[in-house]
Amino acid sequence: MHVLHQLPANEHPDLLVGTNHFDDAGVFRIDENTALVQTLDFFPPLVDDPYEFGRIAAANALSDVYAMGGEPLTALNIVGFPDKELPADVLGEILRGGHERVTAAGAVIVGGHSVRDAEIKYGLSITGRIDPQRIITNASAKPGDVLVLTKPIGSGVITSAAKKEKTSDEELAEVIRVMTMLNRGGRDAMVEVGVSAATDVTGFGLVGHAFEIADASDVSLTIKADSVPLLPRTLHFARQGFLTRAHKATIEHLGTRLKATGIEDVLVHVLCDAQTSGGLLISVPTDRADRLLARLQEFEVGCAVKIGTVLDRDDVAVRLV
């Protein structure tokens, strides 16, 4: 984020969404009825199974397009691979996993690029399309809106514990199921009902991405911490120290703009912890909230839960209560 402020501003009459508010994807208008949605994401493995890692990485990259209300069209693979240390079959399984999720999204992989690297890295660049009049950004949340979350929190904690072989097979399978779930149903519900703003919950955690909505929309958010759904045993593992480093960075970045009242420190850390391929955090007008929840359930998203409200802006951007 800090580096982007040092770069020249991107100004073009057809650049509808750029880097100003750290949105999930860029949007470029082609004509009155069509705009392109573009994003890129990649990272090292979170799980040992290469096929599942590929599926997770693809679902994560696709999520940025869904968060904007877009439809994924094409994908390019991005690979870093230690070909002298690992057999090519490992890379083949990663790419097969990515292909499975991209195909499930109705998109097509059209190519990619690979480099030799000391460790595995994989991700995708996704291009989608969207109606320029129906773009969903993180910058339009309104006071009085309800906050809705579509996947449980805890993937960073559970995968950290899994690396130390502390989780059961069932717990690992559940977090993989959640991370590989596409946010397409959430997108469909948002577009149908009409929402104020949205973002997906990834590397900055629920609190970090909530702050992006608050900052971009010039509002404050209140999140009811005990209403946030967690993956099974997330707090158990977090109390043992299984958190990513990202929670500290998020807390430091927000500083006094984050306030937690009567909340266990570990839960605060969990809500600030990095997520991979997390759900959508949606700001929806109160009179549409119940309809959105009903449609999310019908589209079989990970969960559909009210977790907070949007308020007029004050000195605190995100409150945990």
Protein backbone atom coordinates (compact mmCIF):
# COMPACT_ATOMS: atom_id res chain seq x y z
CA MET A 1 0.00 0.00 0.00
CA HIS A 2 2.69 2.47 1.01
CA VAL A 3 4.61 1.95 -2.26
CA LEU A 4 1.55 2.77 -4.40
CA HIS A 5 1.43 6.26 -2.91
CA GLN A 6 4.90 6.90 -4.37
CA LEU A 7 3.81 6.10 -7.93
CA PRO A 8 2.28 8.50 -10.47
CA ALA A 9 -1.52 8.48 -10.52
CA ASN A 10 -3.08 6.44 -13.31
CA GLU A 11 -5.46 8.75 -15.13
CA HIS A 12 -7.53 7.67 -18.12
CA PRO A 13 -11.18 8.41 -18.96
CA ASP A 14 -11.95 4.69 -19.27
CA LEU A 15 -10.16 3.60 -16.08
CA LEU A 16 -13.21 3.21 -13.87
CA VAL A 17 -11.49 1.58 -10.88
CA GLY A 18 -7.75 1.94 -10.29
CA THR A 19 -5.52 1.81 -7.23
CA ASN A 20 -6.94 4.82 -5.38
CA HIS A 21 -8.88 2.83 -2.80
CA PHE A 22 -6.97 -0.48 -2.92
CA ASP A 23 -9.96 -2.21 -4.44
CA ASP A 24 -9.96 -5.90 -5.31
CA ALA A 25 -9.46 -5.47 -9.07
CA GLY A 26 -9.01 -2.84 -11.72
CA VAL A 27 -11.87 -2.00 -14.10
CA PHE A 28 -11.36 -0.60 -17.61
CA ARG A 29 -14.28 0.44 -19.83
CA ILE A 30 -14.42 -0.99 -23.36
CA ASP A 31 -17.75 0.53 -24.41
CA GLU A 32 -20.99 1.72 -22.83
CA ASN A 33 -22.07 -1.81 -21.93
CA THR A 34 -18.81 -3.63 -21.22
CA ALA A 35 -15.79 -3.17 -18.99
CA LEU A 36 -12.89 -5.48 -18.21
CA VAL A 37 -12.14 -6.54 -14.62
CA GLN A 38 -8.48 -7.49 -14.10
CA THR A 39 -6.59 -8.89 -11.14
CA LEU A 40 -3.52 -10.96 -10.24
CA ASP A 41 -2.61 -12.99 -7.15
CA PHE A 42 -0.06 -15.67 -6.26
CA PHE A 43 1.62 -17.11 -3.16
CA PRO A 44 3.57 -20.09 -1.74
CA PRO A 45 1.75 -23.31 -0.78
CA LEU A 46 -0.54 -23.31 2.23
CA VAL A 47 -1.12 -27.06 2.16
CA ASP A 48 1.07 -30.04 1.22
CA ASP A 49 -1.26 -31.47 -1.44
CA PRO A 50 -0.23 -29.79 -4.74
CA TYR A 51 -3.61 -30.33 -6.39
CA GLU A 52 -5.48 -28.71 -3.51
CA PHE A 53 -2.95 -25.89 -3.41
CA GLY A 54 -3.70 -25.20 -7.08
CA ARG A 55 -7.42 -25.16 -6.40
CA ILE A 56 -7.00 -22.77 -3.44
CA ALA A 57 -4.82 -20.37 -5.42
CA ALA A 58 -7.26 -20.29 -8.33
CA ALA A 59 -10.31 -19.73 -6.12
CA ASN A 60 -8.43 -16.94 -4.36
CA ALA A 61 -7.57 -15.17 -7.63
CA LEU A 62 -11.09 -15.56 -9.04
CA SER A 63 -12.50 -14.05 -5.87
CA ASP A 64 -11.28 -10.55 -6.73
CA VAL A 65 -13.41 -10.50 -9.88
CA TYR A 66 -16.44 -11.83 -8.01
CA ALA A 67 -16.01 -9.17 -5.31
CA MET A 68 -16.42 -6.46 -7.95
CA GLY A 69 -19.57 -8.11 -9.30
CA GLY A 70 -17.78 -9.38 -12.39
CA GLU A 71 -17.80 -12.57 -14.46
CA PRO A 72 -14.39 -14.29 -14.94
CA LEU A 73 -13.53 -14.98 -18.57
CA THR A 74 -9.87 -15.93 -18.95
CA ALA A 75 -6.90 -16.80 -16.74
CA LEU A 76 -3.12 -16.86 -17.05
CA ASN A 77 -1.03 -19.10 -14.80
CA ILE A 78 1.89 -17.55 -12.88
CA VAL A 79 4.45 -20.06 -11.61
CA GLY A 80 7.67 -20.08 -9.64
CA PHE A 81 9.04 -23.62 -9.34
CA PRO A 82 12.29 -25.27 -8.11
CA ASP A 83 12.53 -27.70 -11.01
CA LYS A 84 15.88 -29.15 -9.85
CA GLU A 85 14.56 -30.01 -6.38
CA LEU A 86 11.05 -31.24 -7.18
CA PRO A 87 9.66 -33.48 -9.92
CA ALA A 88 7.62 -31.95 -12.72
CA ASP A 89 4.63 -34.03 -11.61
CA VAL A 90 4.22 -31.73 -8.59
CA LEU A 91 3.83 -28.73 -10.88
CA GLY A 92 1.47 -30.72 -13.05
CA GLU A 93 -0.81 -31.35 -10.09
CA ILE A 94 -0.76 -27.68 -9.08
CA LEU A 95 -1.76 -26.64 -12.59
CA ARG A 96 -4.43 -29.34 -12.71
CA GLY A 97 -5.93 -27.98 -9.50
CA GLY A 98 -5.95 -24.44 -10.87
CA HIS A 99 -7.56 -25.66 -14.08
CA GLU A 100 -10.32 -27.38 -12.13
CA ARG A 101 -11.40 -24.22 -10.29
CA VAL A 102 -11.09 -21.94 -13.33
CA THR A 103 -13.23 -24.36 -15.32
CA ALA A 104 -15.75 -24.55 -12.47
CA ALA A 105 -15.98 -20.75 -12.68
CA GLY A 106 -16.85 -20.98 -16.38
CA ALA A 107 -13.56 -19.33 -17.39
CA VAL A 108 -10.70 -20.55 -19.59
CA ILE A 109 -6.95 -20.76 -18.95
CA VAL A 110 -5.28 -19.28 -22.04
CA GLY A 111 -1.61 -19.60 -21.06
CA GLY A 112 0.83 -18.35 -18.47
CA HIS A 113 4.46 -17.95 -17.52
CA SER A 114 6.88 -19.82 -15.27
CA VAL A 115 10.30 -19.07 -13.77
CA ARG A 116 12.76 -21.10 -11.73
CA ASP A 117 12.48 -20.17 -8.06
CA ALA A 118 13.84 -21.35 -4.73
CA GLU A 119 10.30 -22.16 -3.57
CA ILE A 120 6.98 -22.95 -5.17
CA LYS A 121 4.74 -20.01 -5.97
CA TYR A 122 1.51 -20.21 -7.92
CA GLY A 123 -1.36 -17.98 -8.82
CA LEU A 124 -3.29 -16.54 -11.71
CA SER A 125 -4.08 -13.33 -13.51
CA ILE A 126 -7.81 -13.21 -14.14
CA THR A 127 -9.69 -11.12 -16.69
CA GLY A 128 -13.44 -10.76 -16.42
CA ARG A 129 -16.22 -8.58 -17.72
CA ILE A 130 -18.76 -6.37 -16.02
CA ASP A 131 -21.49 -3.86 -16.84
CA PRO A 132 -19.89 -0.42 -16.20
CA GLN A 133 -23.12 0.67 -14.50
CA ARG A 134 -23.10 -2.24 -12.02
CA ILE A 135 -19.58 -2.21 -10.61
CA ILE A 136 -19.33 -3.03 -6.90
CA THR A 137 -16.41 -1.31 -5.15
CA ASN A 138 -15.27 -0.90 -1.55
CA ALA A 139 -15.95 2.86 -1.65
CA SER A 140 -19.74 3.20 -1.42
CA ALA A 141 -20.76 1.87 2.00
CA LYS A 142 -23.43 4.09 3.59
CA PRO A 143 -24.27 4.83 7.24
CA GLY A 144 -27.09 2.53 8.28
CA ASP A 145 -25.93 -0.35 6.08
CA VAL A 146 -25.66 -3.87 7.45
CA LEU A 147 -22.40 -5.84 7.16
CA VAL A 148 -22.71 -9.43 5.90
CA LEU A 149 -19.98 -12.09 5.71
CA THR A 150 -20.13 -15.14 3.43
CA LYS A 151 -17.35 -17.45 4.72
CA PRO A 152 -16.08 -18.32 8.21
CA ILE A 153 -12.80 -16.85 9.46
CA GLY A 154 -9.78 -18.92 10.53
CA SER A 155 -7.98 -20.24 7.45
CA GLY A 156 -4.69 -18.62 8.47
CA VAL A 157 -4.85 -20.16 11.93
CA ILE A 158 -5.89 -23.64 10.80
CA THR A 159 -3.32 -23.89 7.99
CA SER A 160 -0.59 -22.66 10.37
CA ALA A 161 -1.56 -25.40 12.82
CA ALA A 162 -1.71 -27.97 10.01
CA LYS A 163 1.89 -27.22 9.04
CA LYS A 164 2.87 -28.37 12.54
CA GLU A 165 0.62 -31.44 12.19
CA LYS A 166 -1.67 -30.26 14.98
CA THR A 167 -4.95 -30.53 13.08
CA SER A 168 -7.04 -33.60 12.36
CA ASP A 169 -7.64 -34.80 8.81
CA GLU A 170 -11.22 -33.58 9.13
CA GLU A 171 -10.17 -30.09 10.23
CA LEU A 172 -7.73 -29.76 7.35
CA ALA A 173 -10.32 -31.04 4.89
CA GLU A 174 -12.83 -28.46 6.13
CA VAL A 175 -10.50 -25.49 5.74
CA ILE A 176 -9.57 -26.69 2.25
CA ARG A 177 -13.26 -27.00 1.39
CA VAL A 178 -13.85 -23.42 2.52
CA MET A 179 -10.81 -22.00 0.72
CA THR A 180 -11.64 -23.75 -2.57
CA MET A 181 -15.28 -22.62 -2.51
CA LEU A 182 -15.89 -20.05 -5.24
CA ASN A 183 -17.45 -16.72 -4.32
CA ARG A 184 -19.68 -16.93 -7.40
CA GLY A 185 -22.84 -17.43 -5.33
CA GLY A 186 -22.01 -14.34 -3.31
CA ARG A 187 -21.48 -12.37 -6.51
CA ASP A 188 -24.79 -13.56 -7.94
CA ALA A 189 -26.69 -12.57 -4.80
CA MET A 190 -25.03 -9.14 -4.60
CA VAL A 191 -25.75 -8.29 -8.23
CA GLU A 192 -29.35 -9.46 -7.98
CA VAL A 193 -30.21 -7.70 -4.72
CA GLY A 194 -28.09 -4.58 -5.14
CA VAL A 195 -25.55 -3.72 -2.44
CA SER A 196 -23.63 -0.61 -1.45
CA ALA A 197 -20.08 -1.99 -1.30
CA ALA A 198 -18.07 -5.18 -0.97
CA THR A 199 -14.61 -6.69 -0.78
CA ASP A 200 -13.21 -10.16 -0.33
CA VAL A 201 -11.43 -11.08 2.89
CA THR A 202 -7.84 -12.14 2.21
CA GLY A 203 -4.35 -11.13 3.32
CA PHE A 204 -5.26 -8.20 5.60
CA GLY A 205 -7.83 -10.22 7.53
CA LEU A 206 -11.44 -9.33 8.26
CA VAL A 207 -10.47 -6.19 10.18
CA GLY A 208 -7.95 -5.03 7.59
CA HIS A 209 -10.40 -5.32 4.72
CA ALA A 210 -13.17 -3.78 6.83
CA PHE A 211 -10.83 -0.83 7.34
CA GLU A 212 -10.40 -0.53 3.56
CA ILE A 213 -14.18 -0.21 3.19
CA ALA A 214 -14.34 2.32 6.02
CA ASP A 215 -11.45 4.38 4.64
CA ALA A 216 -12.61 4.32 1.01
CA SER A 217 -16.24 5.09 1.92
CA ASP A 218 -15.45 7.68 4.64
CA VAL A 219 -17.50 5.78 7.22
CA SER A 220 -16.90 3.81 10.41
CA LEU A 221 -17.74 0.12 10.86
CA THR A 222 -18.85 -1.69 13.99
CA ILE A 223 -18.32 -5.46 14.01
CA LYS A 224 -19.88 -7.72 16.64
CA ALA A 225 -16.96 -10.02 17.33
CA ASP A 226 -19.03 -12.89 18.71
CA SER A 227 -21.22 -12.82 15.58
CA VAL A 228 -18.30 -13.55 13.26
CA PRO A 229 -18.37 -17.25 12.24
CA LEU A 230 -15.11 -19.12 12.87
CA LEU A 231 -13.81 -22.40 11.52
CA PRO A 232 -13.88 -25.19 14.13
CA ARG A 233 -11.18 -24.89 16.82
CA THR A 234 -9.82 -21.62 15.43
CA LEU A 235 -9.65 -20.04 18.88
CA HIS A 236 -8.16 -23.23 20.34
CA PHE A 237 -5.25 -23.11 17.91
CA ALA A 238 -4.90 -19.32 18.07
CA ARG A 239 -4.50 -19.51 21.85
CA GLN A 240 -1.58 -21.86 21.21
CA GLY A 241 0.07 -19.22 19.02
CA PHE A 242 -0.88 -20.51 15.57
CA LEU A 243 -1.40 -17.19 13.81
CA THR A 244 0.18 -15.70 10.72
CA ARG A 245 2.42 -12.66 11.02
CA ALA A 246 -0.19 -10.59 9.21
CA HIS A 247 -2.31 -9.97 12.32
CA LYS A 248 0.46 -7.88 13.87
CA ALA A 249 0.91 -5.84 10.69
CA THR A 250 -2.82 -5.12 10.48
CA ILE A 251 -3.02 -4.03 14.11
CA GLU A 252 0.04 -1.79 13.72
CA HIS A 253 -1.28 -0.29 10.48
CA LEU A 254 -4.66 0.65 11.97
CA GLY A 255 -3.28 1.86 15.31
CA THR A 256 -5.86 4.03 17.08
CA ARG A 257 -8.25 3.65 14.14
CA LEU A 258 -9.07 0.19 15.55
CA LYS A 259 -10.83 -0.12 18.89
CA ALA A 260 -11.77 -3.37 20.62
CA THR A 261 -14.03 -3.14 23.65
CA GLY A 262 -14.28 -6.13 25.99
CA ILE A 263 -12.92 -8.56 23.38
CA GLU A 264 -10.38 -11.28 24.18
CA ASP A 265 -7.03 -10.33 22.66
CA VAL A 266 -6.77 -13.68 20.87
CA LEU A 267 -10.09 -13.12 19.12
CA VAL A 268 -8.95 -9.66 18.04
CA HIS A 269 -5.82 -11.26 16.61
CA VAL A 270 -7.90 -13.88 14.76
CA LEU A 271 -10.10 -11.20 13.22
CA CYS A 272 -6.96 -9.35 12.07
CA ASP A 273 -5.24 -12.51 10.80
CA ALA A 274 -4.64 -13.24 7.13
CA GLN A 275 -7.22 -15.31 5.27
CA THR A 276 -6.78 -17.09 1.97
CA SER A 277 -9.68 -17.23 -0.48
CA GLY A 278 -11.97 -15.85 2.20
CA GLY A 279 -15.58 -14.82 1.83
CA LEU A 280 -17.14 -11.56 0.75
CA LEU A 281 -17.65 -8.74 3.24
CA ILE A 282 -20.73 -6.94 1.98
CA SER A 283 -22.27 -3.60 2.96
CA VAL A 284 -25.97 -3.70 2.13
CA PRO A 285 -28.83 -1.27 2.85
CA THR A 286 -30.93 -2.38 5.82
CA ASP A 287 -34.08 -2.83 3.77
CA ARG A 288 -32.28 -5.28 1.46
CA ALA A 289 -30.31 -7.20 4.08
CA ASP A 290 -32.82 -9.99 4.70
CA ARG A 291 -33.32 -10.56 1.00
CA LEU A 292 -29.55 -10.71 0.50
CA LEU A 293 -29.21 -13.27 3.29
CA ALA A 294 -32.00 -15.38 1.79
CA ARG A 295 -30.44 -15.33 -1.67
CA LEU A 296 -26.98 -16.12 -0.29
CA GLN A 297 -28.41 -19.18 1.43
CA GLU A 298 -30.16 -20.25 -1.76
CA PHE A 299 -26.88 -19.86 -3.67
CA GLU A 300 -25.24 -22.10 -1.02
CA VAL A 301 -22.39 -19.82 0.05
CA GLY A 302 -20.14 -20.79 2.97
CA CYS A 303 -22.30 -18.84 5.41
CA ALA A 304 -24.57 -15.82 5.35
CA VAL A 305 -24.29 -13.86 8.59
CA LYS A 306 -24.91 -10.30 9.73
CA ILE A 307 -21.79 -9.24 11.62
CA GLY A 308 -22.08 -5.49 12.03
CA THR A 309 -23.24 -2.08 10.88
CA VAL A 310 -21.98 1.02 9.09
CA LEU A 311 -21.94 4.34 10.96
CA ASP A 312 -21.05 7.95 10.26
CA ARG A 313 -17.30 8.46 10.26
CA ASP A 314 -15.50 9.36 13.47
CA ASP A 315 -11.96 8.94 14.82
CA VAL A 316 -12.27 5.13 14.96
CA ALA A 317 -12.60 3.39 11.60
CA VAL A 318 -13.33 -0.15 12.89
CA ARG A 319 -14.83 -1.02 16.26
CA LEU A 320 -14.95 -4.56 17.60
CA VAL A 321 -17.66 -4.90 20.24
